[in-house]
């Protein structure tokens, strides 16, 4: 990070999407959390993928200030989901301090994707989020138009975050018009990622939030390493460079955006 940035304290940052609950990548949660806080990340949202991880996510959110739970049923792991999981998720939402449902959506990138099963699961979780007045953390790959059509048809009005966005500028604007913000992650630190760098440069700043997706999608300076929320300032700096804007303004506005969408106060 630019030495000038370190001379002035950044506004607190929010990592709106990570998987810090996965113990094989983060065997010492407190060490990673402390290092992230030293880097200026005061809040992080842990997204779920299946029932087996929900309890740990909730327990971490209970135990640590600034750690927020977003349990959900991921479209890539259909084989992990069991009958009754949706009812268990509904009970969890009612009894725990959950800030969003995630990550949920459609993934047509994976081989032999069961699109029908993904769609059914996605719509069921949209209904649960709507009934619970919770935003969604959307996972979308090669299915942006289908997700947009589903959100419109369901008239989903709680908004949320399009995690690790990889669609077009036009698709991003359509999500924004539906009340969503766009998750900007380590992809923008790679020069070859021209499409998402253009999206990040041209969208209104009020439509962007920061995320790491740790342990995945590390910034370019940590290529071939596991990602961590402590690297979020590097994504911030890359975004400021791409937009030719002040890093402190971007830090402040993206944090405001994240707190607004997730109801973090």
C-alpha atoms as a PDB file:
ATOM      1  CA  UNK A   1       0.000   0.000   0.000  1.00  0.00           C
ATOM      2  CA  UNK A   2       1.105   3.540  -0.723  1.00  0.00           C
ATOM      3  CA  UNK A   3       3.160   4.896   2.184  1.00  0.00           C
ATOM      4  CA  UNK A   4       1.100   8.095   2.156  1.00  0.00           C
ATOM      5  CA  UNK A   5      -2.010   6.110   3.014  1.00  0.00           C
ATOM      6  CA  UNK A   6      -0.436   4.640   6.116  1.00  0.00           C
ATOM      7  CA  UNK A   7       0.282   8.115   7.519  1.00  0.00           C
ATOM      8  CA  UNK A   8      -3.397   8.890   7.843  1.00  0.00           C
ATOM      9  CA  UNK A   9      -5.909   6.552   9.418  1.00  0.00           C
ATOM     10  CA  UNK A  10      -8.405   5.117   6.950  1.00  0.00           C
ATOM     11  CA  UNK A  11     -12.112   5.015   7.759  1.00  0.00           C
ATOM     12  CA  UNK A  12     -13.143   1.589   9.020  1.00  0.00           C
ATOM     13  CA  UNK A  13     -13.585  -0.956   6.240  1.00  0.00           C
ATOM     14  CA  UNK A  14     -16.183  -3.691   5.827  1.00  0.00           C
ATOM     15  CA  UNK A  15     -15.301  -6.998   4.192  1.00  0.00           C
ATOM     16  CA  UNK A  16     -18.771  -7.826   2.893  1.00  0.00           C
ATOM     17  CA  UNK A  17     -18.000 -11.408   1.906  1.00  0.00           C
ATOM     18  CA  UNK A  18     -15.519 -13.909   3.296  1.00  0.00           C
ATOM     19  CA  UNK A  19     -15.361 -17.500   4.526  1.00  0.00           C
ATOM     20  CA  UNK A  20     -13.300 -17.065   7.651  1.00  0.00           C
ATOM     21  CA  UNK A  21     -15.210 -19.918   9.277  1.00  0.00           C
ATOM     22  CA  UNK A  22     -13.365 -22.585   7.263  1.00  0.00           C
ATOM     23  CA  UNK A  23     -10.889 -23.876   9.825  1.00  0.00           C
ATOM     24  CA  UNK A  24      -8.528 -25.641   7.401  1.00  0.00           C
ATOM     25  CA  UNK A  25      -7.711 -22.247   5.877  1.00  0.00           C
ATOM     26  CA  UNK A  26      -7.989 -20.201   9.059  1.00  0.00           C
ATOM     27  CA  UNK A  27      -6.959 -22.516  11.910  1.00  0.00           C
ATOM     28  CA  UNK A  28      -6.474 -19.579  14.283  1.00  0.00           C
ATOM     29  CA  UNK A  29      -9.488 -17.344  13.765  1.00  0.00           C
ATOM     30  CA  UNK A  30      -8.453 -14.789  16.370  1.00  0.00           C
ATOM     31  CA  UNK A  31      -5.033 -14.213  14.823  1.00  0.00           C
ATOM     32  CA  UNK A  32      -6.585 -13.563  11.413  1.00  0.00           C
ATOM     33  CA  UNK A  33      -9.242 -11.334  12.948  1.00  0.00           C
ATOM     34  CA  UNK A  34      -6.648  -9.313  14.852  1.00  0.00           C
ATOM     35  CA  UNK A  35      -4.509  -8.839  11.755  1.00  0.00           C
ATOM     36  CA  UNK A  36      -7.567  -7.757   9.788  1.00  0.00           C
ATOM     37  CA  UNK A  37      -8.486  -5.199  12.422  1.00  0.00           C
ATOM     38  CA  UNK A  38      -4.954  -3.828  12.442  1.00  0.00           C
ATOM     39  CA  UNK A  39      -5.377  -3.379   8.681  1.00  0.00           C
ATOM     40  CA  UNK A  40      -8.540  -1.350   9.313  1.00  0.00           C
ATOM     41  CA  UNK A  41     -11.211  -3.980   8.674  1.00  0.00           C
ATOM     42  CA  UNK A  42     -13.582  -3.490  11.594  1.00  0.00           C
ATOM     43  CA  UNK A  43     -16.472  -5.555  10.225  1.00  0.00           C
ATOM     44  CA  UNK A  44     -16.637  -8.713   8.179  1.00  0.00           C
ATOM     45  CA  UNK A  45     -19.518 -10.795   6.896  1.00  0.00           C
ATOM     46  CA  UNK A  46     -19.089 -14.557   6.855  1.00  0.00           C
ATOM     47  CA  UNK A  47     -21.154 -16.147   4.104  1.00  0.00           C
ATOM     48  CA  UNK A  48     -22.411 -19.708   4.345  1.00  0.00           C
ATOM     49  CA  UNK A  49     -22.513 -22.475   1.761  1.00  0.00           C
ATOM     50  CA  UNK A  50     -24.372 -25.327   3.463  1.00  0.00           C
ATOM     51  CA  UNK A  51     -25.954 -26.448   6.719  1.00  0.00           C
ATOM     52  CA  UNK A  52     -22.760 -27.971   8.105  1.00  0.00           C
ATOM     53  CA  UNK A  53     -21.152 -24.539   8.392  1.00  0.00           C
ATOM     54  CA  UNK A  54     -24.050 -22.493   9.721  1.00  0.00           C
ATOM     55  CA  UNK A  55     -23.522 -23.162  13.396  1.00  0.00           C
ATOM     56  CA  UNK A  56     -19.878 -22.090  13.364  1.00  0.00           C
ATOM     57  CA  UNK A  57     -20.753 -18.912  11.468  1.00  0.00           C
ATOM     58  CA  UNK A  58     -23.417 -18.058  14.025  1.00  0.00           C
ATOM     59  CA  UNK A  59     -21.133 -18.868  16.955  1.00  0.00           C
ATOM     60  CA  UNK A  60     -18.376 -16.638  15.592  1.00  0.00           C
ATOM     61  CA  UNK A  61     -20.850 -13.780  15.112  1.00  0.00           C
ATOM     62  CA  UNK A  62     -22.043 -14.195  18.706  1.00  0.00           C
ATOM     63  CA  UNK A  63     -18.539 -14.229  20.121  1.00  0.00           C
ATOM     64  CA  UNK A  64     -16.767 -11.449  18.223  1.00  0.00           C
ATOM     65  CA  UNK A  65     -17.858  -7.854  17.764  1.00  0.00           C
ATOM     66  CA  UNK A  66     -17.922  -6.874  14.109  1.00  0.00           C
ATOM     67  CA  UNK A  67     -18.326 -10.442  12.833  1.00  0.00           C
ATOM     68  CA  UNK A  68     -21.645 -10.930  11.058  1.00  0.00           C
ATOM     69  CA  UNK A  69     -23.440 -14.087   9.931  1.00  0.00           C
ATOM     70  CA  UNK A  70     -24.960 -14.646   6.492  1.00  0.00           C
ATOM     71  CA  UNK A  71     -25.962 -18.331   6.300  1.00  0.00           C
ATOM     72  CA  UNK A  72     -27.270 -19.724   3.055  1.00  0.00           C
ATOM     73  CA  UNK A  73     -27.351 -22.635   0.594  1.00  0.00           C
ATOM     74  CA  UNK A  74     -24.831 -22.277  -2.226  1.00  0.00           C
ATOM     75  CA  UNK A  75     -25.892 -23.327  -5.752  1.00  0.00           C
ATOM     76  CA  UNK A  76     -22.591 -25.127  -6.391  1.00  0.00           C
ATOM     77  CA  UNK A  77     -23.104 -27.569  -3.523  1.00  0.00           C
ATOM     78  CA  UNK A  78     -26.488 -29.072  -4.286  1.00  0.00           C
ATOM     79  CA  UNK A  79     -25.236 -32.496  -3.204  1.00  0.00           C
ATOM     80  CA  UNK A  80     -24.608 -31.132   0.305  1.00  0.00           C
ATOM     81  CA  UNK A  81     -28.145 -29.865   0.815  1.00  0.00           C
ATOM     82  CA  UNK A  82     -30.638 -32.174   2.493  1.00  0.00           C
ATOM     83  CA  UNK A  83     -34.417 -32.261   2.937  1.00  0.00           C
ATOM     84  CA  UNK A  84     -35.337 -29.992   5.801  1.00  0.00           C
ATOM     85  CA  UNK A  85     -32.333 -27.659   5.416  1.00  0.00           C
ATOM     86  CA  UNK A  86     -34.521 -24.787   4.280  1.00  0.00           C
ATOM     87  CA  UNK A  87     -36.692 -25.147   7.387  1.00  0.00           C
ATOM     88  CA  UNK A  88     -33.565 -25.199   9.558  1.00  0.00           C
ATOM     89  CA  UNK A  89     -32.332 -22.055   7.829  1.00  0.00           C
ATOM     90  CA  UNK A  90     -35.675 -20.362   8.447  1.00  0.00           C
ATOM     91  CA  UNK A  91     -35.458 -21.197  12.156  1.00  0.00           C
ATOM     92  CA  UNK A  92     -31.900 -19.881  12.308  1.00  0.00           C
ATOM     93  CA  UNK A  93     -32.959 -16.604  10.736  1.00  0.00           C
ATOM     94  CA  UNK A  94     -35.704 -16.214  13.322  1.00  0.00           C
ATOM     95  CA  UNK A  95     -33.526 -16.941  16.356  1.00  0.00           C
ATOM     96  CA  UNK A  96     -30.096 -15.502  15.489  1.00  0.00           C
ATOM     97  CA  UNK A  97     -28.707 -12.104  14.501  1.00  0.00           C
ATOM     98  CA  UNK A  98     -28.369 -12.783  10.783  1.00  0.00           C
ATOM     99  CA  UNK A  99     -27.549  -9.834   8.486  1.00  0.00           C
ATOM    100  CA  UNK A 100     -28.221 -11.505   5.112  1.00  0.00           C
ATOM    101  CA  UNK A 101     -28.854 -14.813   3.377  1.00  0.00           C
ATOM    102  CA  UNK A 102     -25.805 -15.937   1.471  1.00  0.00           C
ATOM    103  CA  UNK A 103     -24.454 -17.049  -0.516  1.00  0.00           C
ATOM    104  CA  UNK A 104     -27.328 -17.878  -2.809  1.00  0.00           C
ATOM    105  CA  UNK A 105     -27.952 -17.662  -6.541  1.00  0.00           C
ATOM    106  CA  UNK A 106     -27.287 -19.483  -9.804  1.00  0.00           C
ATOM    107  CA  UNK A 107     -24.072 -20.927 -11.220  1.00  0.00           C
ATOM    108  CA  UNK A 108     -24.112 -22.052 -14.857  1.00  0.00           C
ATOM    109  CA  UNK A 109     -20.316 -22.129 -15.076  1.00  0.00           C
ATOM    110  CA  UNK A 110     -19.975 -25.529 -13.412  1.00  0.00           C
ATOM    111  CA  UNK A 111     -20.138 -28.648 -15.573  1.00  0.00           C
ATOM    112  CA  UNK A 112     -23.478 -30.442 -15.770  1.00  0.00           C
ATOM    113  CA  UNK A 113     -25.206 -27.856 -13.589  1.00  0.00           C
ATOM    114  CA  UNK A 114     -28.680 -28.924 -12.514  1.00  0.00           C
ATOM    115  CA  UNK A 115     -30.291 -25.646 -13.471  1.00  0.00           C
ATOM    116  CA  UNK A 116     -33.760 -26.695 -12.403  1.00  0.00           C
ATOM    117  CA  UNK A 117     -32.611 -27.656  -8.902  1.00  0.00           C
ATOM    118  CA  UNK A 118     -30.572 -24.465  -8.594  1.00  0.00           C
ATOM    119  CA  UNK A 119     -33.550 -22.367  -9.626  1.00  0.00           C
ATOM    120  CA  UNK A 120     -35.864 -24.039  -7.148  1.00  0.00           C
ATOM    121  CA  UNK A 121     -33.385 -23.563  -4.307  1.00  0.00           C
ATOM    122  CA  UNK A 122     -32.727 -19.950  -5.291  1.00  0.00           C
ATOM    123  CA  UNK A 123     -36.396 -19.044  -5.370  1.00  0.00           C
ATOM    124  CA  UNK A 124     -37.047 -20.702  -2.022  1.00  0.00           C
ATOM    125  CA  UNK A 125     -34.295 -18.624  -0.436  1.00  0.00           C
ATOM    126  CA  UNK A 126     -35.565 -15.451  -2.097  1.00  0.00           C
ATOM    127  CA  UNK A 127     -38.931 -16.137  -0.487  1.00  0.00           C
ATOM    128  CA  UNK A 128     -37.293 -16.683   2.905  1.00  0.00           C
ATOM    129  CA  UNK A 129     -35.254 -13.480   2.615  1.00  0.00           C
ATOM    130  CA  UNK A 130     -38.336 -11.507   1.604  1.00  0.00           C
ATOM    131  CA  UNK A 131     -40.389 -12.872   4.497  1.00  0.00           C
ATOM    132  CA  UNK A 132     -37.514 -12.132   6.902  1.00  0.00           C
ATOM    133  CA  UNK A 133     -36.732  -8.681   5.415  1.00  0.00           C
ATOM    134  CA  UNK A 134     -33.134  -9.693   4.789  1.00  0.00           C
ATOM    135  CA  UNK A 135     -30.831  -8.789   1.886  1.00  0.00           C
ATOM    136  CA  UNK A 136     -29.195 -11.425  -0.288  1.00  0.00           C
ATOM    137  CA  UNK A 137     -25.527 -12.154  -0.943  1.00  0.00           C
ATOM    138  CA  UNK A 138     -25.752 -13.272  -4.559  1.00  0.00           C
ATOM    139  CA  UNK A 139     -23.445 -15.815  -6.178  1.00  0.00           C
ATOM    140  CA  UNK A 140     -23.806 -15.473  -9.954  1.00  0.00           C
ATOM    141  CA  UNK A 141     -21.702 -17.021 -12.704  1.00  0.00           C
ATOM    142  CA  UNK A 142     -22.803 -17.061 -16.343  1.00  0.00           C
ATOM    143  CA  UNK A 143     -26.389 -16.569 -15.148  1.00  0.00           C
ATOM    144  CA  UNK A 144     -26.753 -12.837 -14.616  1.00  0.00           C
ATOM    145  CA  UNK A 145     -29.751 -12.435 -16.891  1.00  0.00           C
ATOM    146  CA  UNK A 146     -31.486 -15.408 -15.298  1.00  0.00           C
ATOM    147  CA  UNK A 147     -30.891 -14.062 -11.782  1.00  0.00           C
ATOM    148  CA  UNK A 148     -32.120 -10.621 -12.796  1.00  0.00           C
ATOM    149  CA  UNK A 149     -35.258 -12.094 -14.354  1.00  0.00           C
ATOM    150  CA  UNK A 150     -35.938 -14.130 -11.226  1.00  0.00           C
ATOM    151  CA  UNK A 151     -35.532 -11.151  -8.901  1.00  0.00           C
ATOM    152  CA  UNK A 152     -37.904  -9.109 -11.070  1.00  0.00           C
ATOM    153  CA  UNK A 153     -40.496 -11.874 -11.275  1.00  0.00           C
ATOM    154  CA  UNK A 154     -40.353 -12.426  -7.513  1.00  0.00           C
ATOM    155  CA  UNK A 155     -40.460  -8.653  -6.960  1.00  0.00           C
ATOM    156  CA  UNK A 156     -37.721  -8.954  -4.385  1.00  0.00           C
ATOM    157  CA  UNK A 157     -37.350  -5.605  -2.640  1.00  0.00           C
ATOM    158  CA  UNK A 158     -34.763  -6.178   0.121  1.00  0.00           C
ATOM    159  CA  UNK A 159     -31.701  -5.646  -2.056  1.00  0.00           C
ATOM    160  CA  UNK A 160     -28.292  -7.043  -1.241  1.00  0.00           C
ATOM    161  CA  UNK A 161     -24.845  -7.507  -2.733  1.00  0.00           C
ATOM    162  CA  UNK A 162     -23.819  -9.146  -6.001  1.00  0.00           C
ATOM    163  CA  UNK A 163     -20.771 -10.977  -4.685  1.00  0.00           C
ATOM    164  CA  UNK A 164     -17.535 -10.912  -6.715  1.00  0.00           C
ATOM    165  CA  UNK A 165     -19.365  -9.381  -9.655  1.00  0.00           C
ATOM    166  CA  UNK A 166     -18.184 -10.617 -13.063  1.00  0.00           C
ATOM    167  CA  UNK A 167     -20.906  -9.456 -15.435  1.00  0.00           C
ATOM    168  CA  UNK A 168     -21.214  -6.527 -17.800  1.00  0.00           C
ATOM    169  CA  UNK A 169     -21.651  -2.849 -17.050  1.00  0.00           C
ATOM    170  CA  UNK A 170     -25.240  -3.016 -18.298  1.00  0.00           C
ATOM    171  CA  UNK A 171     -26.016  -5.980 -16.040  1.00  0.00           C
ATOM    172  CA  UNK A 172     -24.463  -4.191 -13.089  1.00  0.00           C
ATOM    173  CA  UNK A 173     -26.750  -1.211 -13.668  1.00  0.00           C
ATOM    174  CA  UNK A 174     -29.772  -3.528 -13.754  1.00  0.00           C
ATOM    175  CA  UNK A 175     -28.818  -4.983 -10.377  1.00  0.00           C
ATOM    176  CA  UNK A 176     -28.346  -1.471  -8.991  1.00  0.00           C
ATOM    177  CA  UNK A 177     -31.814  -0.542 -10.233  1.00  0.00           C
ATOM    178  CA  UNK A 178     -33.181  -3.494  -8.240  1.00  0.00           C
ATOM    179  CA  UNK A 179     -31.601  -2.199  -5.027  1.00  0.00           C
ATOM    180  CA  UNK A 180     -28.363  -4.190  -5.077  1.00  0.00           C
ATOM    181  CA  UNK A 181     -24.783  -3.006  -4.772  1.00  0.00           C
ATOM    182  CA  UNK A 182     -21.812  -4.521  -6.558  1.00  0.00           C
ATOM    183  CA  UNK A 183     -19.118  -6.450  -4.670  1.00  0.00           C
ATOM    184  CA  UNK A 184     -15.593  -5.471  -5.720  1.00  0.00           C
ATOM    185  CA  UNK A 185     -12.916  -8.032  -4.871  1.00  0.00           C
ATOM    186  CA  UNK A 186      -9.287  -8.855  -5.652  1.00  0.00           C
ATOM    187  CA  UNK A 187     -10.024  -9.447  -9.337  1.00  0.00           C
ATOM    188  CA  UNK A 188      -9.601  -5.716 -10.009  1.00  0.00           C
ATOM    189  CA  UNK A 189      -5.934  -5.892  -8.954  1.00  0.00           C
ATOM    190  CA  UNK A 190      -5.142  -7.916 -12.102  1.00  0.00           C
ATOM    191  CA  UNK A 191      -4.449  -5.887 -15.257  1.00  0.00           C
ATOM    192  CA  UNK A 192      -6.036  -8.542 -17.467  1.00  0.00           C
ATOM    193  CA  UNK A 193      -9.423  -8.185 -15.720  1.00  0.00           C
ATOM    194  CA  UNK A 194     -10.464  -5.387 -18.056  1.00  0.00           C
ATOM    195  CA  UNK A 195     -14.222  -5.924 -17.912  1.00  0.00           C
ATOM    196  CA  UNK A 196     -14.632  -5.763 -14.147  1.00  0.00           C
ATOM    197  CA  UNK A 197     -12.095  -2.921 -13.908  1.00  0.00           C
ATOM    198  CA  UNK A 198     -14.268  -0.942 -16.324  1.00  0.00           C
ATOM    199  CA  UNK A 199     -17.378  -1.707 -14.281  1.00  0.00           C
ATOM    200  CA  UNK A 200     -15.574  -0.637 -11.096  1.00  0.00           C
ATOM    201  CA  UNK A 201     -14.422   2.586 -12.745  1.00  0.00           C
ATOM    202  CA  UNK A 202     -17.744   3.640 -14.255  1.00  0.00           C
ATOM    203  CA  UNK A 203     -20.411   2.716 -11.714  1.00  0.00           C
ATOM    204  CA  UNK A 204     -21.475   5.333  -9.168  1.00  0.00           C
ATOM    205  CA  UNK A 205     -19.417   4.983  -6.001  1.00  0.00           C
ATOM    206  CA  UNK A 206     -22.677   4.686  -4.042  1.00  0.00           C
ATOM    207  CA  UNK A 207     -23.205   1.340  -5.813  1.00  0.00           C
ATOM    208  CA  UNK A 208     -19.962  -0.338  -4.723  1.00  0.00           C
ATOM    209  CA  UNK A 209     -18.824  -2.321  -1.685  1.00  0.00           C
ATOM    210  CA  UNK A 210     -15.548  -4.094  -0.929  1.00  0.00           C
ATOM    211  CA  UNK A 211     -14.968  -7.788  -0.271  1.00  0.00           C
ATOM    212  CA  UNK A 212     -12.202 -10.381  -0.249  1.00  0.00           C
ATOM    213  CA  UNK A 213     -14.004 -13.745  -0.633  1.00  0.00           C
ATOM    214  CA  UNK A 214     -11.162 -15.079   1.541  1.00  0.00           C
ATOM    215  CA  UNK A 215      -9.625 -17.612   1.203  1.00  0.00           C
ATOM    216  CA  UNK A 216     -10.369 -17.269  -2.539  1.00  0.00           C
ATOM    217  CA  UNK A 217      -9.547 -14.528  -5.098  1.00  0.00           C
ATOM    218  CA  UNK A 218      -6.360 -13.122  -3.532  1.00  0.00           C
ATOM    219  CA  UNK A 219      -5.070  -9.750  -4.794  1.00  0.00           C
ATOM    220  CA  UNK A 220      -2.313  -9.863  -7.395  1.00  0.00           C
ATOM    221  CA  UNK A 221       0.394  -9.252  -4.794  1.00  0.00           C
ATOM    222  CA  UNK A 222      -0.680 -12.458  -3.029  1.00  0.00           C
ATOM    223  CA  UNK A 223      -1.183 -14.608  -6.109  1.00  0.00           C
ATOM    224  CA  UNK A 224      -1.060 -18.333  -5.297  1.00  0.00           C
ATOM    225  CA  UNK A 225      -1.616 -17.584  -1.606  1.00  0.00           C
ATOM    226  CA  UNK A 226      -4.761 -17.963   0.450  1.00  0.00           C
ATOM    227  CA  UNK A 227      -6.645 -14.702   0.634  1.00  0.00           C
ATOM    228  CA  UNK A 228      -7.406 -12.911   3.933  1.00  0.00           C
ATOM    229  CA  UNK A 229      -9.578  -9.966   5.040  1.00  0.00           C
ATOM    230  CA  UNK A 230      -6.363  -8.185   6.040  1.00  0.00           C
ATOM    231  CA  UNK A 231      -5.710  -7.664   2.303  1.00  0.00           C
ATOM    232  CA  UNK A 232      -8.888  -5.623   1.826  1.00  0.00           C
ATOM    233  CA  UNK A 233      -6.952  -2.299   1.844  1.00  0.00           C
ATOM    234  CA  UNK A 234      -5.092  -3.483  -1.256  1.00  0.00           C
ATOM    235  CA  UNK A 235      -8.405  -3.864  -3.077  1.00  0.00           C
ATOM    236  CA  UNK A 236      -9.393  -0.421  -1.836  1.00  0.00           C
ATOM    237  CA  UNK A 237      -6.177   1.099  -3.169  1.00  0.00           C
ATOM    238  CA  UNK A 238      -6.642  -0.597  -6.550  1.00  0.00           C
ATOM    239  CA  UNK A 239     -10.185   0.754  -6.764  1.00  0.00           C
ATOM    240  CA  UNK A 240      -8.983   4.268  -5.966  1.00  0.00           C
ATOM    241  CA  UNK A 241      -6.345   4.001  -8.699  1.00  0.00           C
ATOM    242  CA  UNK A 242      -8.810   2.701 -11.279  1.00  0.00           C
ATOM    243  CA  UNK A 243     -11.290   5.474 -10.496  1.00  0.00           C
ATOM    244  CA  UNK A 244      -8.641   8.203 -10.065  1.00  0.00           C
ATOM    245  CA  UNK A 245     -10.344   9.142  -6.809  1.00  0.00           C
ATOM    246  CA  UNK A 246      -9.246   9.775  -3.253  1.00  0.00           C
ATOM    247  CA  UNK A 247      -8.707   6.550  -1.330  1.00  0.00           C
ATOM    248  CA  UNK A 248     -10.206   8.011   1.832  1.00  0.00           C
ATOM    249  CA  UNK A 249     -13.384   9.046   0.035  1.00  0.00           C
ATOM    250  CA  UNK A 250     -13.759   5.570  -1.424  1.00  0.00           C
ATOM    251  CA  UNK A 251     -13.095   3.923   1.931  1.00  0.00           C
ATOM    252  CA  UNK A 252     -15.703   6.067   3.625  1.00  0.00           C
ATOM    253  CA  UNK A 253     -18.397   5.691   0.963  1.00  0.00           C
ATOM    254  CA  UNK A 254     -18.014   1.937   0.465  1.00  0.00           C
ATOM    255  CA  UNK A 255     -18.292   1.458   4.229  1.00  0.00           C
ATOM    256  CA  UNK A 256     -21.447   3.596   4.298  1.00  0.00           C
ATOM    257  CA  UNK A 257     -22.840   1.521   1.427  1.00  0.00           C
ATOM    258  CA  UNK A 258     -22.098  -1.774   3.167  1.00  0.00           C
ATOM    259  CA  UNK A 259     -23.626  -0.669   6.462  1.00  0.00           C
ATOM    260  CA  UNK A 260     -26.734   0.598   4.702  1.00  0.00           C
ATOM    261  CA  UNK A 261     -27.351  -2.525   2.620  1.00  0.00           C
ATOM    262  CA  UNK A 262     -26.623  -4.951   5.467  1.00  0.00           C
ATOM    263  CA  UNK A 263     -28.245  -2.908   8.228  1.00  0.00           C
ATOM    264  CA  UNK A 264     -25.069  -2.811  10.296  1.00  0.00           C
ATOM    265  CA  UNK A 265     -25.891   0.538  11.879  1.00  0.00           C
END
